[in-house]
Protein backbone atom coordinates (compact mmCIF):
# COMPACT_ATOMS: atom_id res chain seq x y z
CA GLN A 1 0.00 0.00 0.00
CA VAL A 2 1.41 3.36 -1.03
CA GLN A 3 1.35 6.27 1.38
CA LEU A 4 2.67 9.78 1.00
CA VAL A 5 3.63 11.34 4.30
CA GLU A 6 4.11 15.09 4.51
CA SER A 7 5.98 17.05 7.17
CA GLY A 8 7.05 20.59 7.84
CA GLU A 9 3.76 22.22 8.69
CA GLY A 10 3.87 25.35 10.72
CA LEU A 11 2.91 28.89 11.62
CA VAL A 12 5.26 31.57 10.33
CA ARG A 13 5.21 35.34 10.08
CA ALA A 14 5.06 37.09 6.70
CA ALA A 15 8.48 37.18 4.95
CA GLY A 16 9.45 34.01 6.78
CA SER A 17 10.38 30.58 5.37
CA LEU A 18 9.23 26.98 5.64
CA ARG A 19 10.34 23.74 4.11
CA LEU A 20 7.87 20.97 3.36
CA SER A 21 8.80 17.37 2.73
CA CYS A 22 6.82 14.46 1.31
CA ALA A 23 8.10 10.92 1.46
CA ALA A 24 6.58 7.83 -0.12
CA SER A 25 6.26 4.60 1.78
CA GLY A 26 5.38 1.31 0.21
CA SER A 27 6.22 0.18 -3.28
CA ILE A 28 6.06 3.09 -5.67
CA TRP A 29 8.36 3.14 -8.64
CA ARG A 30 8.87 5.12 -11.81
CA VAL A 31 7.27 8.24 -10.49
CA ALA A 32 6.78 10.51 -13.48
CA VAL A 33 5.88 13.71 -11.68
CA ARG A 34 5.99 14.88 -8.06
CA SER A 35 4.05 17.99 -7.25
CA TRP A 36 2.65 20.22 -4.54
CA TYR A 37 -0.91 21.57 -4.47
CA ARG A 38 -2.61 23.77 -1.95
CA GLN A 39 -6.13 24.56 -0.91
CA ALA A 40 -7.11 27.63 1.00
CA PRO A 41 -10.47 27.91 2.86
CA GLY A 42 -13.29 28.43 0.40
CA LYS A 43 -11.05 27.97 -2.64
CA GLN A 44 -10.31 25.24 -5.08
CA ARG A 45 -7.17 23.14 -4.83
CA GLU A 46 -4.46 24.59 -7.05
CA LEU A 47 -1.12 23.47 -8.38
CA VAL A 48 1.79 25.20 -6.68
CA ALA A 49 4.80 23.47 -8.23
CA ALA A 50 5.72 20.29 -10.04
CA ILE A 51 8.90 18.44 -10.98
CA THR A 52 9.34 15.65 -13.47
CA SER A 53 11.60 12.63 -12.90
CA GLY A 54 14.08 14.35 -15.17
CA GLY A 55 14.08 17.51 -13.08
CA ILE A 56 11.96 19.83 -15.21
CA THR A 57 10.03 22.19 -12.95
CA ASN A 58 6.88 24.20 -13.26
CA TYR A 59 5.52 26.83 -10.86
CA ALA A 60 2.32 28.75 -10.35
CA ASP A 61 2.84 32.42 -11.21
CA SER A 62 2.00 33.42 -7.63
CA VAL A 63 4.99 31.53 -6.21
CA LYS A 64 7.63 31.99 -8.88
CA GLY A 65 10.84 33.36 -7.43
CA ARG A 66 9.78 32.52 -3.91
CA PHE A 67 9.23 28.75 -3.85
CA THR A 68 11.58 26.00 -5.01
CA ILE A 69 10.62 22.40 -5.61
CA SER A 70 13.27 19.67 -5.48
CA GLN A 71 13.40 15.91 -5.14
CA ASP A 72 15.52 13.01 -4.01
CA ASN A 73 14.76 10.18 -6.41
CA THR A 74 16.74 7.67 -4.34
CA LYS A 75 14.56 8.34 -1.36
CA ASN A 76 11.33 8.97 -3.29
CA THR A 77 10.95 12.31 -1.56
CA VAL A 78 9.93 15.75 -2.78
CA PHE A 79 10.56 19.05 -1.04
CA LEU A 80 9.10 22.52 -1.24
CA GLN A 81 11.25 25.38 0.04
CA MET A 82 9.05 28.37 0.63
CA ASN A 83 10.62 31.75 1.12
CA SER A 84 9.18 35.29 1.44
CA LEU A 85 5.92 33.81 2.59
CA GLU A 86 2.79 35.92 2.39
CA PRO A 87 -0.53 35.64 4.25
CA GLU A 88 -2.06 34.63 0.90
CA ASP A 89 0.08 31.46 1.03
CA THR A 90 -1.94 30.18 3.98
CA ALA A 91 -3.44 26.85 2.98
CA VAL A 92 -3.34 23.11 3.40
CA TYR A 93 -0.53 21.84 1.21
CA TYR A 94 -0.75 18.45 -0.46
CA CYS A 95 1.89 16.44 -2.26
CA ARG A 96 1.02 14.26 -5.22
CA PHE A 97 2.96 11.58 -7.08
CA VAL A 98 1.95 10.43 -10.55
CA VAL A 99 2.84 6.92 -11.66
CA GLY A 100 1.48 6.02 -15.06
CA ALA A 101 -2.25 6.63 -14.95
CA ASN A 102 -2.34 6.69 -11.17
CA GLY A 103 -2.09 9.67 -8.87
CA TYR A 104 -1.35 9.43 -5.12
CA TRP A 105 -2.08 12.17 -2.62
CA GLY A 106 -0.64 12.98 0.75
CA GLN A 107 -2.92 13.74 3.71
CA GLY A 108 -2.16 17.47 3.65
CA THR A 109 -0.14 19.70 5.94
CA GLN A 110 -1.23 23.13 7.25
CA VAL A 111 0.79 26.23 6.48
CA THR A 112 -0.31 29.43 8.17
CA VAL A 113 1.32 32.77 7.45
CA SER A 114 0.52 35.64 9.80
CA SER A 115 0.76 39.27 8.76
């Protein structure tokens, strides 16, 4: 059974930083894309950043220049370094791994940015 376990949640003041991690447990191989989504209260879940197995990255316009996605293929882990955080970044953050036609979600981790 595959599980994605996120860590790094926290409360931080505006302009601060946080680093999220998401590690896969169980048998999950040939991950094509690892990504981070977020969902703020009353809003739809949105893509924040994604990285392919080859290292190609993609970011939402709202986080470009502030967030960095990276991965450790050997440990099946993805990271999200978040700098210059803004109150608008407050949300539950979810990681997602895509393997073939299957997508796996983490349970979500809360990020709160105070002004």
